[in-house]
Amino acid sequence: MTDPLDKPVHEQGLADLWHVLADDYGDLVAVSCGDRARTWSEIEERAARFAGYLRVAGLAPGDRVAVGLRNSVEYIEVLFGLFKAGLTPVNLNVRYRAAELRHLLVDSGARGLVVGSSVVPAAIEAAEGTHANVARVAVPDLGADPNGRLDAEFIWYESALAGSSPAPREPRGGDDQLILYTGGTTGLPKGTMWRQGDLIGVGDNEWRRRGFEPPKTLGEVRRLTARLARSGDRPVLMPASPLMHGTGMFAAFGALAVGAEVALLAGVSFSPRELWETVERRRVQEIVIIGDVQCVPMVEELDRAAAEGRPYDLSSLRQVRSAGMRWSAPSKLALLRHADIRCMDVIASSEGGPYGISTTVRGDDPETAKFMLPPNARVITEDGRDVVPGSGEVGLLAAPGRMPLGYLGDPEKTAATFRVIDGVRYAVPGDRAILHEDGSLTLLGRASGVINSGGEKIDAEEVEHVLVKHPAVSDAVVVGVPHPRWGQTPNAIVTLRDGATATEQELIEHVRAHLASYKKPTRVLFVPEIVRTAAGKADRRWATEYATSTAATV
């Protein structure tokens, strides 16, 4: 019989990989969050009990379980328990309203729910009439009463663990899945279906960044992680963004795969003070952020502390990595004034990557949105032809390598995004760029109706549909307007019905009542008529120019 440690690592599930880490590094902290920390042994034991609970509740391997949690040590435990039981996690955005949650539950066919206590009311409403009724578990959010009253067949997470026997370990496999919902290029959120073996492969870049050739077997994982985890310089990585998004989740998976500690922020909202205090306390070596939306307040906090004569101790910090939205050159340079580190800017997506990489250190003169094309990545035309470097032609970024199987239940969008070119499969999420003669590229963003505000993807049409449901609104178009911190903010251009009246604030609150708060327009502009194309579609170029020009005059 073949020794499991000799099997290719990319044919394993995440549970198989994490079992090796738990056996070898059980005494080491795997995850910390605020003033709480758990070792690999503690997480593995609790995850086994959770897997036992889920099996007894009636969930079977392959079933999907929706997970809507804020960052916490329990988030990793819950995922480990699902992986152990052969279940498929489905990420939920904790900021979603009931209608948005319901779309994900119905679209994914989830049979179980694990959510934070603050999400329970919306989850109950969202799950009514769906299949998400086999197991419903609530994890107390920060400051919540862990013994408070629960409704609709929910059970507290700790009660589920206490009443359950640990599930025995079972070999899993690389074909086990994780479904990550994204709004990037797909309008309403669509689930990217990831093989867990390919998710392990995403972590290969963590090895390469540390000068190692990625391990090919679990046995090699054991040997290589020992050189990092048991060294006097064990890596500590902080995903500063939520684990419910791909940037944070993939960063955590990659860190765990190399034997690093994952240090999470406990606050409900992003706090730069908490971030820098955690860097000091946990001796964080690398932070993963979402561009300017996090870097700008991080620098402001460093400036404040320095002005007061109490600068933060950043001696452990070596790198800040960004993905998900624009990270401007001035923000990088401002950060480098406080820390002699490497700033790594990556173009990536839930569909794959990297599509572009930019590295900045002290003494460099960076340019915003300027990247180098990674090996094997391409800039192509719509019909798959390579853009000629230096031609000035706008093309689409394409990258091979580890990527999802496709979008759940959407073969048309799968075929459009995951293309086979010259016999190789590429992820082409819709990012436009110009390729220069020296191999560098300038990122232009996406031409779709998706707005990237602070790393959160907003489907313009979704907001438009809510606006036109207001009895006073006749027509509406929503576009993204540039913002110095958030990248973009949604602006609505609206026409009212004859004789009807509505205020800007009234329409903003109308959207807030139906959608997550970050999707509400920051401005509503009233016009007599919305310009449309000959095909009857809203002219988004006109709308963007109009909203941008009026913003400049406000």
Protein backbone atom coordinates (compact mmCIF):
# COMPACT_ATOMS: atom_id res chain seq x y z
CA MET A 1 0.00 0.00 0.00
CA THR A 2 1.26 3.45 -0.93
CA ASP A 3 2.27 5.64 2.00
CA PRO A 4 -0.12 8.66 2.08
CA LEU A 5 2.90 10.90 2.59
CA ASP A 6 4.23 9.83 -0.83
CA LYS A 7 1.07 10.91 -2.68
CA PRO A 8 1.18 14.11 -4.76
CA VAL A 9 0.20 17.02 -2.53
CA HIS A 10 -2.15 18.48 -5.15
CA GLU A 11 -4.17 15.26 -5.07
CA GLN A 12 -4.89 15.79 -1.37
CA GLY A 13 -7.67 17.73 0.33
CA LEU A 14 -7.00 20.56 2.74
CA ALA A 15 -7.92 18.24 5.62
CA ASP A 16 -5.13 15.84 4.57
CA LEU A 17 -2.63 18.71 4.53
CA TRP A 18 -3.80 20.20 7.82
CA HIS A 19 -3.66 16.80 9.56
CA VAL A 20 0.06 16.64 8.81
CA LEU A 21 0.54 20.13 10.23
CA ALA A 22 -1.53 19.34 13.34
CA ASP A 23 0.49 16.18 14.00
CA ASP A 24 3.86 17.88 13.63
CA TYR A 25 3.16 21.31 15.13
CA GLY A 26 0.38 20.65 17.59
CA ASP A 27 2.04 22.79 20.24
CA LEU A 28 2.40 25.82 17.97
CA VAL A 29 -0.19 28.57 17.58
CA ALA A 30 -1.97 28.13 14.25
CA VAL A 31 -4.36 31.09 14.48
CA SER A 32 -4.59 34.13 16.73
CA CYS A 33 -7.29 36.79 16.79
CA GLY A 34 -7.15 39.69 19.21
CA ASP A 35 -6.16 38.32 22.61
CA ARG A 36 -7.18 34.75 21.70
CA ALA A 37 -4.91 32.09 20.21
CA ARG A 38 -5.29 28.40 19.42
CA THR A 39 -2.67 25.76 18.73
CA TRP A 40 -2.87 23.25 15.92
CA SER A 41 -3.79 20.51 18.43
CA GLU A 42 -6.64 22.57 19.89
CA ILE A 43 -8.01 23.46 16.47
CA GLU A 44 -7.75 19.88 15.18
CA GLU A 45 -9.55 18.45 18.22
CA ARG A 46 -12.36 20.99 18.06
CA ALA A 47 -12.67 20.62 14.28
CA ALA A 48 -13.02 16.85 14.73
CA ARG A 49 -15.89 17.37 17.17
CA PHE A 50 -17.56 19.78 14.77
CA ALA A 51 -17.19 17.25 11.94
CA GLY A 52 -18.79 14.66 14.21
CA TYR A 53 -21.70 16.97 14.93
CA LEU A 54 -22.29 17.70 11.25
CA ARG A 55 -22.28 14.03 10.31
CA VAL A 56 -24.76 13.13 13.05
CA ALA A 57 -26.95 16.07 12.02
CA GLY A 58 -27.41 14.40 8.65
CA LEU A 59 -24.92 16.09 6.31
CA ALA A 60 -23.11 13.79 3.88
CA PRO A 61 -19.81 14.21 1.99
CA GLY A 62 -20.26 16.60 -0.89
CA ASP A 63 -23.07 18.56 0.77
CA ARG A 64 -22.59 22.32 0.79
CA VAL A 65 -22.54 24.39 3.97
CA ALA A 66 -22.80 28.19 3.87
CA VAL A 67 -20.38 29.96 6.22
CA GLY A 68 -20.98 33.59 7.18
CA LEU A 69 -18.51 34.57 9.91
CA ARG A 70 -16.37 37.53 10.82
CA ASN A 71 -12.67 36.92 11.32
CA SER A 72 -12.09 34.66 14.31
CA VAL A 73 -10.21 31.54 15.37
CA GLU A 74 -13.54 29.73 14.92
CA TYR A 75 -13.54 30.55 11.20
CA ILE A 76 -10.52 28.30 10.62
CA GLU A 77 -11.91 25.64 12.99
CA VAL A 78 -15.22 25.57 11.14
CA LEU A 79 -13.51 25.20 7.77
CA PHE A 80 -11.29 22.42 9.13
CA GLY A 81 -14.36 20.62 10.47
CA LEU A 82 -16.09 20.90 7.10
CA PHE A 83 -13.00 19.64 5.29
CA LYS A 84 -12.73 16.69 7.69
CA ALA A 85 -16.36 15.75 7.05
CA GLY A 86 -15.93 16.02 3.28
CA LEU A 87 -18.34 18.95 3.11
CA THR A 88 -18.09 21.91 0.74
CA PRO A 89 -17.85 25.36 2.36
CA VAL A 90 -19.69 28.23 0.67
CA ASN A 91 -18.70 31.74 1.75
CA LEU A 92 -21.37 34.23 2.81
CA ASN A 93 -20.79 37.96 3.10
CA VAL A 94 -21.84 38.95 6.64
CA ARG A 95 -22.83 42.40 5.39
CA TYR A 96 -25.53 41.02 3.09
CA ARG A 97 -29.22 41.56 3.72
CA ALA A 98 -31.68 38.65 3.68
CA ALA A 99 -32.46 38.85 -0.05
CA GLU A 100 -28.76 38.79 -0.94
CA LEU A 101 -28.10 35.86 1.40
CA ARG A 102 -31.06 33.99 -0.07
CA HIS A 103 -29.60 34.29 -3.57
CA LEU A 104 -26.42 32.55 -2.41
CA LEU A 105 -28.29 29.85 -0.46
CA VAL A 106 -30.55 29.03 -3.40
CA ASP A 107 -27.80 29.30 -6.02
CA SER A 108 -25.42 27.06 -4.05
CA GLY A 109 -28.03 24.57 -2.84
CA ALA A 110 -26.51 24.78 0.64
CA ARG A 111 -27.92 22.27 3.15
CA GLY A 112 -26.27 23.74 6.24
CA LEU A 113 -25.61 27.16 7.78
CA VAL A 114 -22.81 28.34 10.05
CA VAL A 115 -23.12 32.06 10.76
CA GLY A 116 -22.16 34.68 13.29
CA SER A 117 -24.80 35.51 15.89
CA SER A 118 -25.40 38.94 14.34
CA VAL A 119 -26.23 37.27 11.01
CA VAL A 120 -28.80 34.83 12.47
CA PRO A 121 -31.92 37.04 11.97
CA ALA A 122 -31.15 37.68 8.29
CA ALA A 123 -30.12 34.06 7.79
CA ILE A 124 -33.44 32.81 9.21
CA GLU A 125 -35.36 34.98 6.78
CA ALA A 126 -33.07 34.08 3.88
CA ALA A 127 -33.20 30.33 4.49
CA GLU A 128 -36.98 30.02 4.65
CA GLY A 129 -38.09 27.47 2.09
CA THR A 130 -34.52 26.57 1.05
CA HIS A 131 -32.58 23.35 1.64
CA ALA A 132 -30.39 25.00 4.30
CA ASN A 133 -32.18 23.30 7.17
CA VAL A 134 -30.16 20.18 7.97
CA ALA A 135 -27.72 21.89 10.35
CA ARG A 136 -27.82 25.47 11.61
CA VAL A 137 -25.01 26.67 13.88
CA ALA A 138 -24.35 30.11 15.38
CA VAL A 139 -20.91 31.34 16.43
CA PRO A 140 -21.00 34.22 18.95
CA ASP A 141 -19.69 37.45 17.45
CA LEU A 142 -17.32 39.60 19.46
CA GLY A 143 -19.14 40.78 22.60
CA ALA A 144 -22.23 38.58 22.04
CA ASP A 145 -23.70 36.42 24.81
CA PRO A 146 -22.66 32.82 23.96
CA ASN A 147 -25.61 31.54 25.98
CA GLY A 148 -28.22 33.87 24.55
CA ARG A 149 -31.51 32.76 23.03
CA LEU A 150 -31.49 31.28 19.53
CA ASP A 151 -34.37 30.70 17.15
CA ALA A 152 -35.26 28.51 14.20
CA GLU A 153 -33.30 25.37 15.08
CA PHE A 154 -29.97 27.15 15.47
CA ILE A 155 -27.53 25.72 18.01
CA TRP A 156 -24.58 27.50 19.57
CA TYR A 157 -21.24 26.36 18.20
CA GLU A 158 -19.81 25.47 21.62
CA SER A 159 -22.92 23.41 22.42
CA ALA A 160 -22.49 21.52 19.16
CA LEU A 161 -18.89 20.70 20.09
CA ALA A 162 -19.65 19.78 23.69
CA GLY A 163 -22.33 17.26 22.70
CA SER A 164 -20.39 15.55 19.94
CA SER A 165 -17.75 12.87 19.65
CA PRO A 166 -14.75 13.56 17.41
CA ALA A 167 -15.18 12.24 13.89
CA PRO A 168 -12.47 9.73 12.97
CA ARG A 169 -9.94 10.88 10.42
CA GLU A 170 -10.74 9.79 6.90
CA PRO A 171 -8.47 10.29 3.89
CA ARG A 172 -9.93 12.99 1.69
CA GLY A 173 -8.78 14.03 -1.76
CA GLY A 174 -7.96 16.91 -4.05
CA ASP A 175 -11.36 16.73 -5.75
CA ASP A 176 -13.14 17.89 -2.58
CA GLN A 177 -14.36 21.42 -3.24
CA LEU A 178 -14.68 24.88 -1.78
CA ILE A 179 -17.09 27.35 -3.41
CA LEU A 180 -16.00 30.97 -3.27
CA TYR A 181 -18.60 33.52 -4.34
CA THR A 182 -17.36 36.57 -6.18
CA GLY A 183 -18.98 39.57 -7.79
CA GLY A 184 -15.90 40.38 -9.87
CA THR A 185 -16.98 39.87 -13.48
CA THR A 186 -20.21 38.03 -13.04
CA GLY A 187 -22.91 40.55 -12.11
CA LEU A 188 -24.78 38.96 -9.25
CA PRO A 189 -22.39 36.84 -7.15
CA LYS A 190 -21.40 33.58 -8.80
CA GLY A 191 -19.68 30.67 -7.10
CA THR A 192 -16.20 29.80 -8.29
CA MET A 193 -15.78 26.05 -7.79
CA TRP A 194 -12.29 25.32 -6.47
CA ARG A 195 -10.78 21.87 -6.13
CA GLN A 196 -9.03 21.73 -2.77
CA GLY A 197 -5.96 20.25 -4.46
CA ASP A 198 -5.75 23.39 -6.57
CA LEU A 199 -6.21 25.57 -3.48
CA ILE A 200 -3.16 23.85 -2.03
CA GLY A 201 -1.44 24.73 -5.30
CA VAL A 202 -2.31 28.41 -4.83
CA GLY A 203 -0.13 28.25 -1.72
CA ASP A 204 2.87 27.25 -3.83
CA ASN A 205 3.67 30.95 -4.24
CA GLU A 206 4.20 31.19 -0.47
CA TRP A 207 7.04 28.68 -0.83
CA ARG A 208 8.54 30.44 -3.84
CA ARG A 209 8.51 33.81 -2.04
CA ARG A 210 10.59 32.19 0.69
CA GLY A 211 13.12 30.71 -1.73
CA PHE A 212 11.84 27.11 -1.73
CA GLU A 213 10.69 24.89 -4.55
CA PRO A 214 7.06 23.96 -3.66
CA PRO A 215 6.68 20.49 -2.13
CA LYS A 216 5.34 17.76 -4.37
CA THR A 217 4.20 15.31 -1.68
CA LEU A 218 2.88 15.48 1.88
CA GLY A 219 6.21 14.02 2.98
CA GLU A 220 8.00 16.97 1.41
CA VAL A 221 5.52 19.31 3.13
CA ARG A 222 6.55 17.75 6.44
CA ARG A 223 10.27 18.23 5.73
CA LEU A 224 9.97 21.78 4.40
CA THR A 225 7.59 23.13 7.04
CA ALA A 226 9.96 21.89 9.73
CA ARG A 227 12.58 24.28 8.38
CA LEU A 228 10.21 27.23 8.90
CA ALA A 229 7.82 26.30 11.70
CA ARG A 230 10.54 24.98 14.02
CA SER A 231 13.01 27.71 13.21
CA GLY A 232 13.65 30.70 15.42
CA ASP A 233 12.16 32.84 12.67
CA ARG A 234 8.76 31.25 12.19
CA PRO A 235 6.63 33.30 9.77
CA VAL A 236 3.60 35.20 11.08
CA LEU A 237 1.21 36.48 8.43
CA MET A 238 -1.73 38.81 8.92
CA PRO A 239 -4.62 38.82 6.43
CA ALA A 240 -5.97 42.30 7.23
CA SER A 241 -9.06 41.71 5.11
CA PRO A 242 -12.01 39.43 5.93
CA LEU A 243 -11.59 35.68 5.47
CA MET A 244 -15.00 35.66 3.78
CA HIS A 245 -13.28 37.18 0.70
CA GLY A 246 -10.76 35.44 -1.52
CA THR A 247 -7.86 37.77 -0.68
CA GLY A 248 -8.03 37.01 3.04
CA MET A 249 -8.98 33.34 2.72
CA PHE A 250 -6.28 32.45 0.20
CA ALA A 251 -3.66 34.37 2.19
CA ALA A 252 -4.57 32.39 5.32
CA PHE A 253 -4.48 29.06 3.46
CA GLY A 254 -1.07 29.88 1.99
CA ALA A 255 0.33 30.89 5.38
CA LEU A 256 -0.90 27.75 7.10
CA ALA A 257 0.54 25.60 4.30
CA VAL A 258 4.10 26.76 5.06
CA GLY A 259 3.72 26.35 8.82
CA ALA A 260 3.18 30.03 9.57
CA GLU A 261 0.91 31.53 12.22
CA VAL A 262 -2.13 33.39 10.92
CA ALA A 263 -2.79 36.56 12.95
CA LEU A 264 -6.31 37.96 12.48
CA LEU A 265 -7.86 41.28 13.50
CA ALA A 266 -10.74 40.94 15.96
CA GLY A 267 -12.56 44.22 15.41
CA VAL A 268 -15.89 44.37 13.62
CA SER A 269 -14.54 47.14 11.40
CA PHE A 270 -11.00 47.76 10.19
CA SER A 271 -8.86 49.48 12.82
CA PRO A 272 -5.33 50.59 11.86
CA ARG A 273 -4.48 50.95 15.54
CA GLU A 274 -5.47 47.33 16.19
CA LEU A 275 -3.44 46.31 13.15
CA TRP A 276 -0.21 47.95 14.28
CA GLU A 277 -0.68 46.83 17.88
CA THR A 278 -1.09 43.27 16.59
CA VAL A 279 2.06 43.60 14.48
CA GLU A 280 3.95 44.53 17.65
CA ARG A 281 2.35 41.87 19.86
CA ARG A 282 2.46 38.90 17.46
CA ARG A 283 5.70 39.95 15.68
CA VAL A 284 3.99 39.91 12.30
CA GLN A 285 6.30 39.57 9.30
CA GLU A 286 3.83 40.07 6.46
CA ILE A 287 0.49 41.86 6.09
CA VAL A 288 -1.96 41.26 3.25
CA ILE A 289 -4.13 44.32 2.60
CA ILE A 290 -6.66 45.67 0.10
CA GLY A 291 -4.89 48.61 -1.52
CA ASP A 292 -5.40 52.23 -0.53
CA VAL A 293 -8.60 51.53 1.37
CA GLN A 294 -6.48 50.00 4.14
CA CYS A 295 -3.05 51.48 3.49
CA VAL A 296 -4.18 55.13 3.76
CA PRO A 297 -5.53 54.82 7.34
CA MET A 298 -2.57 52.57 8.24
CA VAL A 299 -0.17 55.36 7.30
CA GLU A 300 -2.29 57.97 9.07
CA GLU A 301 -2.04 55.91 12.27
CA LEU A 302 1.74 55.60 11.87
CA ASP A 303 1.98 59.36 11.36
CA ARG A 304 -0.12 60.01 14.46
CA ALA A 305 1.94 57.70 16.66
CA ALA A 306 5.22 59.14 15.39
CA ALA A 307 4.01 62.73 15.96
CA GLU A 308 3.20 61.81 19.57
CA GLY A 309 6.70 60.42 20.05
CA ARG A 310 5.47 56.83 20.42
CA PRO A 311 6.17 55.14 17.08
CA TYR A 312 5.14 51.53 16.62
CA ASP A 313 7.77 48.79 16.67
CA LEU A 314 7.81 47.53 13.08
CA SER A 315 11.11 45.66 13.35
CA SER A 316 9.48 42.29 12.60
CA LEU A 317 7.71 43.50 9.45
CA ARG A 318 9.26 42.53 6.11
CA GLN A 319 6.51 42.82 3.53
CA VAL A 320 3.08 44.28 2.87
CA ARG A 321 1.22 42.62 0.01
CA SER A 322 -1.90 43.99 -1.65
CA ALA A 323 -4.54 42.52 -3.93
CA GLY A 324 -8.13 43.34 -4.75
CA MET A 325 -7.96 47.02 -5.64
CA ARG A 326 -5.68 49.94 -6.52
CA TRP A 327 -2.64 50.59 -4.33
CA SER A 328 -1.33 53.99 -5.34
CA ALA A 329 2.33 54.96 -5.55
CA PRO A 330 1.97 57.79 -2.96
CA SER A 331 0.52 55.34 -0.41
CA LYS A 332 3.39 52.91 -0.92
CA LEU A 333 5.98 55.65 -0.51
CA ALA A 334 4.24 56.97 2.60
CA LEU A 335 4.36 53.50 4.15
CA LEU A 336 8.02 53.06 3.24
CA ARG A 337 8.88 56.22 5.18
CA HIS A 338 7.96 54.32 8.34
CA ALA A 339 9.25 50.83 7.52
CA ASP A 340 12.11 49.47 5.41
CA ILE A 341 10.03 46.72 3.82
CA ARG A 342 8.95 45.38 0.46
CA CYS A 343 5.60 46.48 -0.97
CA MET A 344 4.23 43.80 -3.27
CA ASP A 345 1.25 44.76 -5.42
CA VAL A 346 -0.51 41.83 -7.12
CA ILE A 347 -3.27 41.68 -9.70
CA ALA A 348 -5.27 38.58 -8.78
CA SER A 349 -8.88 37.48 -8.56
CA SER A 350 -11.11 34.72 -7.25
CA GLU A 351 -10.76 33.23 -10.72
CA GLY A 352 -6.97 32.87 -10.55
CA GLY A 353 -3.77 34.77 -11.22
CA PRO A 354 -1.42 36.44 -10.70
CA TYR A 355 -1.90 38.57 -13.79
CA GLY A 356 0.57 41.29 -12.81
CA ILE A 357 3.12 41.96 -10.06
CA SER A 358 4.77 45.15 -8.87
CA THR A 359 7.41 45.33 -6.14
CA THR A 360 8.49 48.60 -4.48
CA VAL A 361 11.23 49.19 -1.90
CA ARG A 362 12.88 52.30 -0.52
CA GLY A 363 14.62 54.29 -3.24
CA ASP A 364 12.21 53.20 -5.98
CA ASP A 365 10.04 55.63 -7.94
CA PRO A 366 6.85 53.62 -8.43
CA GLU A 367 4.03 54.40 -10.82
CA THR A 368 0.40 53.74 -9.91
CA ALA A 369 -1.19 50.83 -11.83
CA LYS A 370 2.15 49.84 -13.41
CA PHE A 371 2.98 46.13 -13.18
CA MET A 372 5.24 43.51 -14.72
CA LEU A 373 3.63 40.65 -16.60
CA PRO A 374 4.43 37.39 -14.75
CA PRO A 375 5.92 34.40 -16.59
CA ASN A 376 3.32 32.61 -18.75
CA ALA A 377 0.68 35.34 -18.27
CA ARG A 378 -0.53 37.11 -21.40
CA VAL A 379 -2.39 40.15 -22.64
CA ILE A 380 -4.87 39.03 -25.30
CA THR A 381 -7.60 40.39 -27.52
CA GLU A 382 -11.21 39.23 -27.28
CA ASP A 383 -10.53 36.59 -29.94
CA GLY A 384 -7.47 35.21 -28.14
CA ARG A 385 -4.72 36.90 -30.16
CA ASP A 386 -1.69 38.18 -28.23
CA VAL A 387 -1.45 41.96 -28.00
CA VAL A 388 1.77 43.24 -29.56
CA PRO A 389 3.97 44.85 -26.87
CA GLY A 390 4.25 48.59 -27.41
CA SER A 391 1.33 48.73 -29.85
CA GLY A 392 -0.90 50.64 -27.42
CA GLU A 393 -3.71 48.19 -28.05
CA VAL A 394 -5.93 47.52 -25.04
CA GLY A 395 -6.14 43.82 -24.18
CA LEU A 396 -7.35 41.45 -21.49
CA LEU A 397 -5.12 39.94 -18.82
CA ALA A 398 -4.93 36.14 -18.93
CA ALA A 399 -3.09 33.75 -16.61
CA PRO A 400 -2.65 29.95 -16.57
CA GLY A 401 -2.01 27.82 -13.49
CA ARG A 402 -4.30 26.95 -10.61
CA MET A 403 -7.86 28.13 -11.14
CA PRO A 404 -11.46 27.07 -10.44
CA LEU A 405 -13.30 24.37 -12.35
CA GLY A 406 -15.69 27.14 -13.35
CA TYR A 407 -18.74 29.04 -12.13
CA LEU A 408 -21.38 27.03 -10.34
CA GLY A 409 -24.38 26.44 -12.62
CA ASP A 410 -23.21 28.87 -15.31
CA PRO A 411 -21.47 27.13 -18.23
CA GLU A 412 -21.79 30.22 -20.43
CA LYS A 413 -19.85 32.50 -18.09
CA THR A 414 -17.45 29.65 -17.36
CA ALA A 415 -16.61 29.35 -21.07
CA ALA A 416 -16.21 33.13 -21.38
CA THR A 417 -13.86 33.47 -18.40
CA PHE A 418 -11.89 30.22 -18.49
CA ARG A 419 -10.58 29.95 -22.02
CA VAL A 420 -8.37 27.39 -23.71
CA ILE A 421 -5.75 29.17 -25.85
CA ASP A 422 -3.08 27.21 -27.72
CA GLY A 423 -4.08 24.13 -25.73
CA VAL A 424 -3.63 25.84 -22.34
CA ARG A 425 -6.44 26.88 -20.00
CA TYR A 426 -6.35 30.54 -18.93
CA ALA A 427 -8.38 32.59 -16.49
CA VAL A 428 -9.53 35.81 -18.19
CA PRO A 429 -11.56 37.73 -15.57
CA GLY A 430 -11.97 40.91 -17.64
CA ASP A 431 -9.13 43.15 -16.42
CA ARG A 432 -8.00 45.43 -19.28
CA ALA A 433 -4.40 46.50 -19.71
CA ILE A 434 -1.87 47.97 -22.11
CA LEU A 435 1.32 45.93 -22.61
CA HIS A 436 4.52 47.97 -23.10
CA GLU A 437 7.67 46.99 -24.99
CA ASP A 438 9.64 46.25 -21.81
CA GLY A 439 7.08 43.68 -20.62
CA SER A 440 5.46 46.05 -18.14
CA LEU A 441 1.75 46.72 -18.26
CA THR A 442 -0.61 49.48 -17.25
CA LEU A 443 -3.80 48.27 -15.61
CA LEU A 444 -6.94 50.01 -16.88
CA GLY A 445 -9.58 48.19 -14.82
CA ARG A 446 -12.70 46.46 -16.06
CA ALA A 447 -15.21 47.58 -18.64
CA SER A 448 -18.08 45.70 -17.02
CA GLY A 449 -20.80 47.17 -14.84
CA VAL A 450 -19.02 46.00 -11.69
CA ILE A 451 -17.86 48.69 -9.24
CA ASN A 452 -14.91 47.96 -6.94
CA SER A 453 -15.39 49.99 -3.77
CA GLY A 454 -12.86 49.27 -1.06
CA GLY A 455 -12.37 45.74 -2.39
CA GLU A 456 -16.11 44.97 -2.28
CA LYS A 457 -17.62 44.24 -5.68
CA ILE A 458 -20.91 46.00 -6.45
CA ASP A 459 -23.08 44.92 -9.37
CA ALA A 460 -24.42 48.16 -10.84
CA GLU A 461 -27.49 46.45 -12.30
CA GLU A 462 -28.44 45.01 -8.91
CA VAL A 463 -28.52 48.52 -7.40
CA GLU A 464 -30.41 49.83 -10.44
CA HIS A 465 -33.09 47.16 -10.01
CA VAL A 466 -33.63 48.23 -6.40
CA LEU A 467 -33.80 51.91 -7.32
CA VAL A 468 -36.49 51.45 -9.98
CA LYS A 469 -38.64 49.60 -7.45
CA HIS A 470 -39.09 52.91 -5.62
CA PRO A 471 -42.50 54.29 -6.64
CA ALA A 472 -41.05 57.67 -7.61
CA VAL A 473 -38.25 56.35 -9.86
CA SER A 474 -38.78 55.93 -13.57
CA ASP A 475 -35.27 55.02 -14.67
CA ALA A 476 -31.82 54.66 -13.09
CA VAL A 477 -28.22 53.93 -13.99
CA VAL A 478 -25.43 53.35 -11.45
CA VAL A 479 -21.72 53.85 -12.17
CA GLY A 480 -18.47 53.95 -10.26
CA VAL A 481 -16.82 57.32 -9.69
CA PRO A 482 -13.12 57.51 -8.73
CA HIS A 483 -12.42 58.02 -5.03
CA PRO A 484 -8.98 58.65 -3.47
CA ARG A 485 -9.38 56.02 -0.75
CA TRP A 486 -12.11 53.58 -1.81
CA GLY A 487 -11.01 53.33 -5.43
CA GLN A 488 -14.58 53.86 -6.62
CA THR A 489 -17.91 54.76 -5.05
CA PRO A 490 -21.32 54.06 -6.60
CA ASN A 491 -23.21 57.08 -7.95
CA ALA A 492 -26.80 56.85 -9.17
CA ILE A 493 -28.31 58.89 -12.00
CA VAL A 494 -32.09 58.88 -11.73
CA THR A 495 -35.17 60.14 -13.55
CA LEU A 496 -38.43 60.47 -11.64
CA ARG A 497 -41.95 59.65 -12.77
CA ASP A 498 -44.12 62.54 -13.88
CA GLY A 499 -45.40 64.39 -10.84
CA ALA A 500 -43.39 62.26 -8.39
CA THR A 501 -40.86 63.57 -5.89
CA ALA A 502 -38.02 61.95 -3.97
CA THR A 503 -34.95 63.26 -2.20
CA GLU A 504 -31.40 62.00 -2.59
CA GLN A 505 -31.31 60.73 1.00
CA GLU A 506 -34.65 58.96 0.57
CA LEU A 507 -33.33 56.95 -2.38
CA ILE A 508 -30.04 56.18 -0.63
CA GLU A 509 -31.96 54.81 2.36
CA HIS A 510 -34.23 52.85 0.02
CA VAL A 511 -31.19 51.00 -1.36
CA ARG A 512 -29.71 50.53 2.11
CA ALA A 513 -32.94 48.85 3.25
CA HIS A 514 -32.67 46.20 0.55
CA LEU A 515 -28.93 45.69 0.01
CA ALA A 516 -25.70 45.63 1.98
CA SER A 517 -24.82 49.13 3.14
CA TYR A 518 -21.68 49.37 1.00
CA LYS A 519 -23.85 49.06 -2.14
CA LYS A 520 -25.86 52.22 -1.46
CA PRO A 521 -25.09 55.20 -3.73
CA THR A 522 -22.94 57.89 -2.18
CA ARG A 523 -24.73 60.39 -4.43
CA VAL A 524 -27.98 60.49 -6.40
CA LEU A 525 -28.13 62.80 -9.40
CA PHE A 526 -31.52 63.70 -10.87
CA VAL A 527 -31.76 64.22 -14.66
CA PRO A 528 -34.71 64.69 -17.07
CA GLU A 529 -33.61 61.71 -19.19
CA ILE A 530 -30.98 58.97 -19.08
CA VAL A 531 -28.97 58.53 -22.26
CA ARG A 532 -29.26 55.06 -23.75
CA THR A 533 -27.60 53.27 -26.65
CA ALA A 534 -29.34 52.29 -29.87
CA ALA A 535 -29.86 48.86 -28.33
CA GLY A 536 -31.72 50.43 -25.42
CA LYS A 537 -28.97 49.82 -22.84
CA ALA A 538 -27.85 52.55 -20.47
CA ASP A 539 -24.88 54.43 -21.92
CA ARG A 540 -22.45 53.83 -19.07
CA ARG A 541 -19.72 55.90 -20.68
CA TRP A 542 -22.02 58.94 -20.73
CA ALA A 543 -23.21 58.18 -17.20
CA THR A 544 -19.65 57.85 -15.88
CA GLU A 545 -18.53 61.09 -17.54
CA TYR A 546 -21.60 62.92 -16.21
CA ALA A 547 -21.20 61.63 -12.65
CA THR A 548 -17.46 62.28 -12.63
CA SER A 549 -17.79 65.81 -13.99
CA THR A 550 -20.47 66.75 -11.47
CA ALA A 551 -18.42 65.25 -8.65
CA ALA A 552 -15.53 67.53 -9.60
CA THR A 553 -17.77 70.60 -9.17
CA VAL A 554 -19.22 69.62 -5.78
